[in-house]
PDB file of all heavy atoms in Angstrom:
ATOM      1  N   THR A   1     -12.648   2.297  -5.820  1.00  0.00           N
ATOM      2  CA  THR A   1     -13.506   2.312  -4.728  1.00  0.00           C
ATOM      3  C   THR A   1     -13.882   0.987  -4.150  1.00  0.00           C
ATOM      4  O   THR A   1     -14.272   0.856  -3.022  1.00  0.00           O
ATOM      5  CB  THR A   1     -14.844   2.987  -5.085  1.00  0.00           C
ATOM      6  OG1 THR A   1     -15.431   2.278  -6.117  1.00  0.00           O
ATOM      7  CG2 THR A   1     -14.564   4.483  -5.471  1.00  0.00           C
ATOM      8  N   GLN A   2     -13.482  -0.119  -4.844  1.00  0.00           N
ATOM      9  CA  GLN A   2     -13.858  -1.420  -4.437  1.00  0.00           C
ATOM     10  C   GLN A   2     -12.609  -2.295  -4.021  1.00  0.00           C
ATOM     11  O   GLN A   2     -11.629  -2.245  -4.743  1.00  0.00           O
ATOM     12  CB  GLN A   2     -14.520  -2.278  -5.542  1.00  0.00           C
ATOM     13  CG  GLN A   2     -15.837  -1.640  -6.000  1.00  0.00           C
ATOM     14  CD  GLN A   2     -16.868  -1.645  -4.893  1.00  0.00           C
ATOM     15  OE1 GLN A   2     -16.961  -2.649  -4.155  1.00  0.00           O
ATOM     16  NE2 GLN A   2     -17.613  -0.565  -4.662  1.00  0.00           N
ATOM     17  N   PRO A   3     -12.584  -2.838  -2.841  1.00  0.00           N
ATOM     18  CA  PRO A   3     -11.477  -3.715  -2.354  1.00  0.00           C
ATOM     19  C   PRO A   3     -11.162  -4.823  -3.439  1.00  0.00           C
ATOM     20  O   PRO A   3     -10.018  -5.289  -3.406  1.00  0.00           O
ATOM     21  CB  PRO A   3     -11.914  -4.283  -1.096  1.00  0.00           C
ATOM     22  CG  PRO A   3     -13.039  -3.347  -0.550  1.00  0.00           C
ATOM     23  CD  PRO A   3     -13.692  -2.768  -1.782  1.00  0.00           C
ATOM     24  N   THR A   4     -12.207  -5.248  -4.201  1.00  0.00           N
ATOM     25  CA  THR A   4     -11.853  -6.334  -5.157  1.00  0.00           C
ATOM     26  C   THR A   4     -10.917  -5.930  -6.232  1.00  0.00           C
ATOM     27  O   THR A   4     -10.295  -6.781  -6.866  1.00  0.00           O
ATOM     28  CB  THR A   4     -13.214  -6.852  -5.737  1.00  0.00           C
ATOM     29  OG1 THR A   4     -13.917  -5.767  -6.327  1.00  0.00           O
ATOM     30  CG2 THR A   4     -14.097  -7.515  -4.762  1.00  0.00           C
ATOM     31  N   LEU A   5     -10.797  -4.629  -6.498  1.00  0.00           N
ATOM     32  CA  LEU A   5      -9.927  -4.102  -7.549  1.00  0.00           C
ATOM     33  C   LEU A   5      -8.641  -3.632  -6.963  1.00  0.00           C
ATOM     34  O   LEU A   5      -7.700  -3.148  -7.652  1.00  0.00           O
ATOM     35  CB  LEU A   5     -10.616  -3.004  -8.273  1.00  0.00           C
ATOM     36  CG  LEU A   5     -11.866  -3.296  -9.077  1.00  0.00           C
ATOM     37  CD1 LEU A   5     -12.533  -2.156  -9.711  1.00  0.00           C
ATOM     38  CD2 LEU A   5     -11.495  -4.352 -10.144  1.00  0.00           C
ATOM     39  N   ALA A   6      -8.548  -3.615  -5.594  1.00  0.00           N
ATOM     40  CA  ALA A   6      -7.406  -3.032  -4.863  1.00  0.00           C
ATOM     41  C   ALA A   6      -6.230  -4.000  -4.909  1.00  0.00           C
ATOM     42  O   ALA A   6      -6.363  -5.251  -4.890  1.00  0.00           O
ATOM     43  CB  ALA A   6      -7.825  -2.678  -3.466  1.00  0.00           C
ATOM     44  N   LYS A   7      -4.949  -3.299  -4.833  1.00  0.00           N
ATOM     45  CA  LYS A   7      -3.786  -4.111  -4.701  1.00  0.00           C
ATOM     46  C   LYS A   7      -3.845  -4.766  -3.327  1.00  0.00           C
ATOM     47  O   LYS A   7      -4.340  -4.142  -2.334  1.00  0.00           O
ATOM     48  CB  LYS A   7      -2.675  -3.120  -4.769  1.00  0.00           C
ATOM     49  CG  LYS A   7      -1.232  -3.756  -4.681  1.00  0.00           C
ATOM     50  CD  LYS A   7      -0.249  -2.698  -5.002  1.00  0.00           C
ATOM     51  CE  LYS A   7       1.177  -3.222  -5.009  1.00  0.00           C
ATOM     52  NZ  LYS A   7       1.419  -4.135  -6.110  1.00  0.00           N
ATOM     53  N   GLN A   8      -3.275  -6.013  -3.249  1.00  0.00           N
ATOM     54  CA  GLN A   8      -3.258  -6.738  -2.047  1.00  0.00           C
ATOM     55  C   GLN A   8      -1.820  -7.121  -1.618  1.00  0.00           C
ATOM     56  O   GLN A   8      -0.953  -7.485  -2.475  1.00  0.00           O
ATOM     57  CB  GLN A   8      -4.015  -8.048  -2.189  1.00  0.00           C
ATOM     58  CG  GLN A   8      -5.508  -7.928  -2.530  1.00  0.00           C
ATOM     59  CD  GLN A   8      -6.171  -9.229  -2.664  1.00  0.00           C
ATOM     60  OE1 GLN A   8      -5.741 -10.253  -2.227  1.00  0.00           O
ATOM     61  NE2 GLN A   8      -7.257  -9.150  -3.439  1.00  0.00           N
ATOM     62  N   TRP A   9      -1.547  -6.971  -0.326  1.00  0.00           N
ATOM     63  CA  TRP A   9      -0.268  -7.460   0.203  1.00  0.00           C
ATOM     64  C   TRP A   9      -0.539  -8.615   1.135  1.00  0.00           C
ATOM     65  O   TRP A   9      -1.498  -8.638   1.827  1.00  0.00           O
ATOM     66  CB  TRP A   9       0.351  -6.444   1.022  1.00  0.00           C
ATOM     67  CG  TRP A   9       0.795  -5.264   0.079  1.00  0.00           C
ATOM     68  CD1 TRP A   9       2.072  -5.198  -0.497  1.00  0.00           C
ATOM     69  CD2 TRP A   9       0.086  -4.116  -0.376  1.00  0.00           C
ATOM     70  NE1 TRP A   9       2.114  -4.034  -1.261  1.00  0.00           N
ATOM     71  CE2 TRP A   9       0.911  -3.282  -1.202  1.00  0.00           C
ATOM     72  CE3 TRP A   9      -1.262  -3.686  -0.204  1.00  0.00           C
ATOM     73  CZ2 TRP A   9       0.530  -2.206  -1.774  1.00  0.00           C
ATOM     74  CZ3 TRP A   9      -1.551  -2.497  -0.666  1.00  0.00           C
ATOM     75  CH2 TRP A   9      -0.801  -1.714  -1.464  1.00  0.00           C
ATOM     76  N   LYS A  10       0.324  -9.665   1.044  1.00  0.00           N
ATOM     77  CA  LYS A  10       0.097 -10.822   1.912  1.00  0.00           C
ATOM     78  C   LYS A  10       0.737 -10.676   3.324  1.00  0.00           C
ATOM     79  O   LYS A  10       0.338 -11.441   4.107  1.00  0.00           O
ATOM     80  CB  LYS A  10       0.746 -12.066   1.146  1.00  0.00           C
ATOM     81  CG  LYS A  10       0.010 -12.445  -0.142  1.00  0.00           C
ATOM     82  CD  LYS A  10       0.555 -13.590  -0.794  1.00  0.00           C
ATOM     83  CE  LYS A  10      -0.223 -13.832  -2.106  1.00  0.00           C
ATOM     84  NZ  LYS A  10       0.137 -15.033  -2.738  1.00  0.00           N
ATOM     85  N   THR A  11       1.531  -9.720   3.470  1.00  0.00           N
ATOM     86  CA  THR A  11       2.119  -9.564   4.828  1.00  0.00           C
ATOM     87  C   THR A  11       1.977  -8.059   5.211  1.00  0.00           C
ATOM     88  O   THR A  11       1.931  -7.159   4.361  1.00  0.00           O
ATOM     89  CB  THR A  11       3.612  -9.909   4.943  1.00  0.00           C
ATOM     90  OG1 THR A  11       4.319  -9.013   4.123  1.00  0.00           O
ATOM     91  CG2 THR A  11       3.814 -11.361   4.413  1.00  0.00           C
ATOM     92  N   LEU A  12       1.800  -7.836   6.530  1.00  0.00           N
ATOM     93  CA  LEU A  12       1.702  -6.491   7.008  1.00  0.00           C
ATOM     94  C   LEU A  12       2.909  -5.746   6.717  1.00  0.00           C
ATOM     95  O   LEU A  12       2.878  -4.514   6.354  1.00  0.00           O
ATOM     96  CB  LEU A  12       1.524  -6.612   8.614  1.00  0.00           C
ATOM     97  CG  LEU A  12       1.469  -5.305   9.318  1.00  0.00           C
ATOM     98  CD1 LEU A  12       0.337  -4.461   8.935  1.00  0.00           C
ATOM     99  CD2 LEU A  12       1.385  -5.606  10.883  1.00  0.00           C
ATOM    100  N   ASP A  13       4.212  -6.321   6.842  1.00  0.00           N
ATOM    101  CA  ASP A  13       5.393  -5.637   6.576  1.00  0.00           C
ATOM    102  C   ASP A  13       5.508  -5.165   5.149  1.00  0.00           C
ATOM    103  O   ASP A  13       5.889  -4.012   4.898  1.00  0.00           O
ATOM    104  CB  ASP A  13       6.636  -6.576   6.858  1.00  0.00           C
ATOM    105  CG  ASP A  13       6.919  -6.700   8.370  1.00  0.00           C
ATOM    106  OD1 ASP A  13       6.307  -5.939   9.140  1.00  0.00           O
ATOM    107  OD2 ASP A  13       7.529  -7.602   8.665  1.00  0.00           O
ATOM    108  N   LYS A  14       5.079  -5.929   4.221  1.00  0.00           N
ATOM    109  CA  LYS A  14       5.113  -5.500   2.743  1.00  0.00           C
ATOM    110  C   LYS A  14       4.138  -4.326   2.516  1.00  0.00           C
ATOM    111  O   LYS A  14       4.436  -3.376   1.806  1.00  0.00           O
ATOM    112  CB  LYS A  14       4.820  -6.650   1.827  1.00  0.00           C
ATOM    113  CG  LYS A  14       5.969  -7.663   1.830  1.00  0.00           C
ATOM    114  CD  LYS A  14       5.858  -8.611   0.673  1.00  0.00           C
ATOM    115  CE  LYS A  14       6.936  -9.661   0.682  1.00  0.00           C
ATOM    116  NZ  LYS A  14       8.193  -9.210   0.374  1.00  0.00           N
ATOM    117  N   ALA A  15       2.910  -4.522   3.056  1.00  0.00           N
ATOM    118  CA  ALA A  15       1.981  -3.328   2.970  1.00  0.00           C
ATOM    119  C   ALA A  15       2.488  -1.964   3.516  1.00  0.00           C
ATOM    120  O   ALA A  15       2.503  -0.945   3.010  1.00  0.00           O
ATOM    121  CB  ALA A  15       0.748  -3.699   3.667  1.00  0.00           C
ATOM    122  N   LEU A  16       3.210  -2.120   4.798  1.00  0.00           N
ATOM    123  CA  LEU A  16       3.717  -0.910   5.380  1.00  0.00           C
ATOM    124  C   LEU A  16       4.905  -0.417   4.700  1.00  0.00           C
ATOM    125  O   LEU A  16       5.001   0.902   4.484  1.00  0.00           O
ATOM    126  CB  LEU A  16       4.155  -1.278   6.803  1.00  0.00           C
ATOM    127  CG  LEU A  16       3.037  -1.548   7.796  1.00  0.00           C
ATOM    128  CD1 LEU A  16       3.610  -2.081   9.109  1.00  0.00           C
ATOM    129  CD2 LEU A  16       2.192  -0.224   8.006  1.00  0.00           C
ATOM    130  N   ASP A  17       5.676  -1.212   4.111  1.00  0.00           N
ATOM    131  CA  ASP A  17       6.762  -0.763   3.261  1.00  0.00           C
ATOM    132  C   ASP A  17       6.293  -0.019   2.019  1.00  0.00           C
ATOM    133  O   ASP A  17       6.789   1.069   1.716  1.00  0.00           O
ATOM    134  CB  ASP A  17       7.612  -1.930   2.689  1.00  0.00           C
ATOM    135  CG  ASP A  17       8.589  -2.549   3.776  1.00  0.00           C
ATOM    136  OD1 ASP A  17       8.799  -1.918   4.846  1.00  0.00           O
ATOM    137  OD2 ASP A  17       9.163  -3.719   3.587  1.00  0.00           O
ATOM    138  N   PHE A  18       5.279  -0.521   1.391  1.00  0.00           N
ATOM    139  CA  PHE A  18       4.694   0.208   0.242  1.00  0.00           C
ATOM    140  C   PHE A  18       4.173   1.546   0.724  1.00  0.00           C
ATOM    141  O   PHE A  18       4.370   2.582   0.044  1.00  0.00           O
ATOM    142  CB  PHE A  18       3.614  -0.537  -0.444  1.00  0.00           C
ATOM    143  CG  PHE A  18       2.997   0.108  -1.597  1.00  0.00           C
ATOM    144  CD1 PHE A  18       3.494   0.088  -2.826  1.00  0.00           C
ATOM    145  CD2 PHE A  18       1.798   0.950  -1.367  1.00  0.00           C
ATOM    146  CE1 PHE A  18       2.945   0.805  -3.892  1.00  0.00           C
ATOM    147  CE2 PHE A  18       1.256   1.664  -2.432  1.00  0.00           C
ATOM    148  CZ  PHE A  18       1.800   1.558  -3.674  1.00  0.00           C
ATOM    149  N   GLY A  19       3.388   1.567   1.698  1.00  0.00           N
ATOM    150  CA  GLY A  19       2.804   2.814   2.226  1.00  0.00           C
ATOM    151  C   GLY A  19       3.898   3.918   2.586  1.00  0.00           C
ATOM    152  O   GLY A  19       3.778   4.949   2.215  1.00  0.00           O
ATOM    153  N   ASN A  20       4.864   3.397   3.315  1.00  0.00           N
ATOM    154  CA  ASN A  20       5.892   4.343   3.795  1.00  0.00           C
ATOM    155  C   ASN A  20       6.843   4.777   2.763  1.00  0.00           C
ATOM    156  O   ASN A  20       7.348   5.911   2.776  1.00  0.00           O
ATOM    157  CB  ASN A  20       6.682   3.657   5.006  1.00  0.00           C
ATOM    158  CG  ASN A  20       5.802   3.583   6.188  1.00  0.00           C
ATOM    159  OD1 ASN A  20       4.899   4.490   6.419  1.00  0.00           O
ATOM    160  ND2 ASN A  20       6.064   2.512   6.928  1.00  0.00           N
ATOM    161  N   HIS A  21       7.220   3.916   1.801  1.00  0.00           N
ATOM    162  CA  HIS A  21       8.265   4.147   0.786  1.00  0.00           C
ATOM    163  C   HIS A  21       7.741   4.540  -0.594  1.00  0.00           C
ATOM    164  O   HIS A  21       8.419   5.298  -1.328  1.00  0.00           O
ATOM    165  CB  HIS A  21       9.193   3.023   0.622  1.00  0.00           C
ATOM    166  CG  HIS A  21       9.911   2.701   1.938  1.00  0.00           C
ATOM    167  ND1 HIS A  21      10.810   3.466   2.619  1.00  0.00           N
ATOM    168  CD2 HIS A  21       9.732   1.614   2.814  1.00  0.00           C
ATOM    169  CE1 HIS A  21      11.188   2.949   3.715  1.00  0.00           C
ATOM    170  NE2 HIS A  21      10.544   1.806   3.854  1.00  0.00           N
ATOM    171  N   SER A  22       6.531   4.146  -0.966  1.00  0.00           N
ATOM    172  CA  SER A  22       5.978   4.533  -2.247  1.00  0.00           C
ATOM    173  C   SER A  22       4.852   5.522  -2.234  1.00  0.00           C
ATOM    174  O   SER A  22       4.731   6.441  -2.965  1.00  0.00           O
ATOM    175  CB  SER A  22       5.493   3.234  -2.938  1.00  0.00           C
ATOM    176  OG  SER A  22       6.579   2.473  -3.298  1.00  0.00           O
ATOM    177  N   LEU A  23       3.979   5.327  -1.191  1.00  0.00           N
ATOM    178  CA  LEU A  23       2.805   6.196  -1.185  1.00  0.00           C
ATOM    179  C   LEU A  23       3.062   7.511  -0.441  1.00  0.00           C
ATOM    180  O   LEU A  23       2.742   8.585  -0.938  1.00  0.00           O
ATOM    181  CB  LEU A  23       1.666   5.456  -0.423  1.00  0.00           C
ATOM    182  CG  LEU A  23       0.320   5.869  -0.591  1.00  0.00           C
ATOM    183  CD1 LEU A  23      -0.165   6.014  -2.073  1.00  0.00           C
ATOM    184  CD2 LEU A  23      -0.725   4.996   0.193  1.00  0.00           C
ATOM    185  N   THR A  24       3.591   7.423   0.724  1.00  0.00           N
ATOM    186  CA  THR A  24       3.747   8.774   1.509  1.00  0.00           C
ATOM    187  C   THR A  24       4.565   9.760   0.811  1.00  0.00           C
ATOM    188  O   THR A  24       4.229  10.913   0.813  1.00  0.00           O
ATOM    189  CB  THR A  24       4.331   8.356   2.988  1.00  0.00           C
ATOM    190  OG1 THR A  24       3.430   7.598   3.667  1.00  0.00           O
ATOM    191  CG2 THR A  24       4.558   9.650   3.748  1.00  0.00           C
ATOM    192  N   PRO A  25       5.788   9.423   0.317  1.00  0.00           N
ATOM    193  CA  PRO A  25       6.599  10.452  -0.458  1.00  0.00           C
ATOM    194  C   PRO A  25       5.820  11.025  -1.650  1.00  0.00           C
ATOM    195  O   PRO A  25       6.043  12.224  -1.936  1.00  0.00           O
ATOM    196  CB  PRO A  25       7.871   9.638  -0.967  1.00  0.00           C
ATOM    197  CG  PRO A  25       7.862   8.508  -0.044  1.00  0.00           C
ATOM    198  CD  PRO A  25       6.484   8.086   0.336  1.00  0.00           C
ATOM    199  N   LYS A  26       4.991  10.309  -2.326  1.00  0.00           N
ATOM    200  CA  LYS A  26       4.308  10.724  -3.380  1.00  0.00           C
ATOM    201  C   LYS A  26       3.037  11.626  -3.171  1.00  0.00           C
ATOM    202  O   LYS A  26       2.853  12.656  -3.736  1.00  0.00           O
ATOM    203  CB  LYS A  26       3.880   9.535  -4.369  1.00  0.00           C
ATOM    204  CG  LYS A  26       3.225   9.967  -5.612  1.00  0.00           C
ATOM    205  CD  LYS A  26       3.019   8.727  -6.477  1.00  0.00           C
ATOM    206  CE  LYS A  26       4.268   8.232  -7.207  1.00  0.00           C
ATOM    207  NZ  LYS A  26       5.068   9.107  -7.928  1.00  0.00           N
ATOM    208  N   LEU A  27       2.291  11.231  -2.092  1.00  0.00           N
ATOM    209  CA  LEU A  27       1.039  11.964  -1.765  1.00  0.00           C
ATOM    210  C   LEU A  27       1.213  12.955  -0.631  1.00  0.00           C
ATOM    211  O   LEU A  27       0.462  13.843  -0.561  1.00  0.00           O
ATOM    212  CB  LEU A  27      -0.082  10.954  -1.431  1.00  0.00           C
ATOM    213  CG  LEU A  27      -0.489   9.975  -2.495  1.00  0.00           C
ATOM    214  CD1 LEU A  27      -1.595   9.047  -2.032  1.00  0.00           C
ATOM    215  CD2 LEU A  27      -0.991  10.774  -3.729  1.00  0.00           C
ATOM    216  N   LYS A  28       2.027  12.666   0.272  1.00  0.00           N
ATOM    217  CA  LYS A  28       2.324  13.461   1.432  1.00  0.00           C
ATOM    218  C   LYS A  28       0.901  13.721   2.112  1.00  0.00           C
ATOM    219  O   LYS A  28       0.590  14.800   2.541  1.00  0.00           O
ATOM    220  CB  LYS A  28       2.908  14.759   1.028  1.00  0.00           C
ATOM    221  CG  LYS A  28       4.232  14.671   0.340  1.00  0.00           C
ATOM    222  CD  LYS A  28       5.044  15.836   0.410  1.00  0.00           C
ATOM    223  CE  LYS A  28       6.386  15.746  -0.386  1.00  0.00           C
ATOM    224  NZ  LYS A  28       7.076  14.492  -0.284  1.00  0.00           N
TER     225      LYS A  28
END
């Protein structure tokens, strides 16, 4: 629930890659 414990990405592209390739297929 806290951003301080959240995974951080240093670039927008890396965050989007994770969301699109790791998160979306798993959670739908």
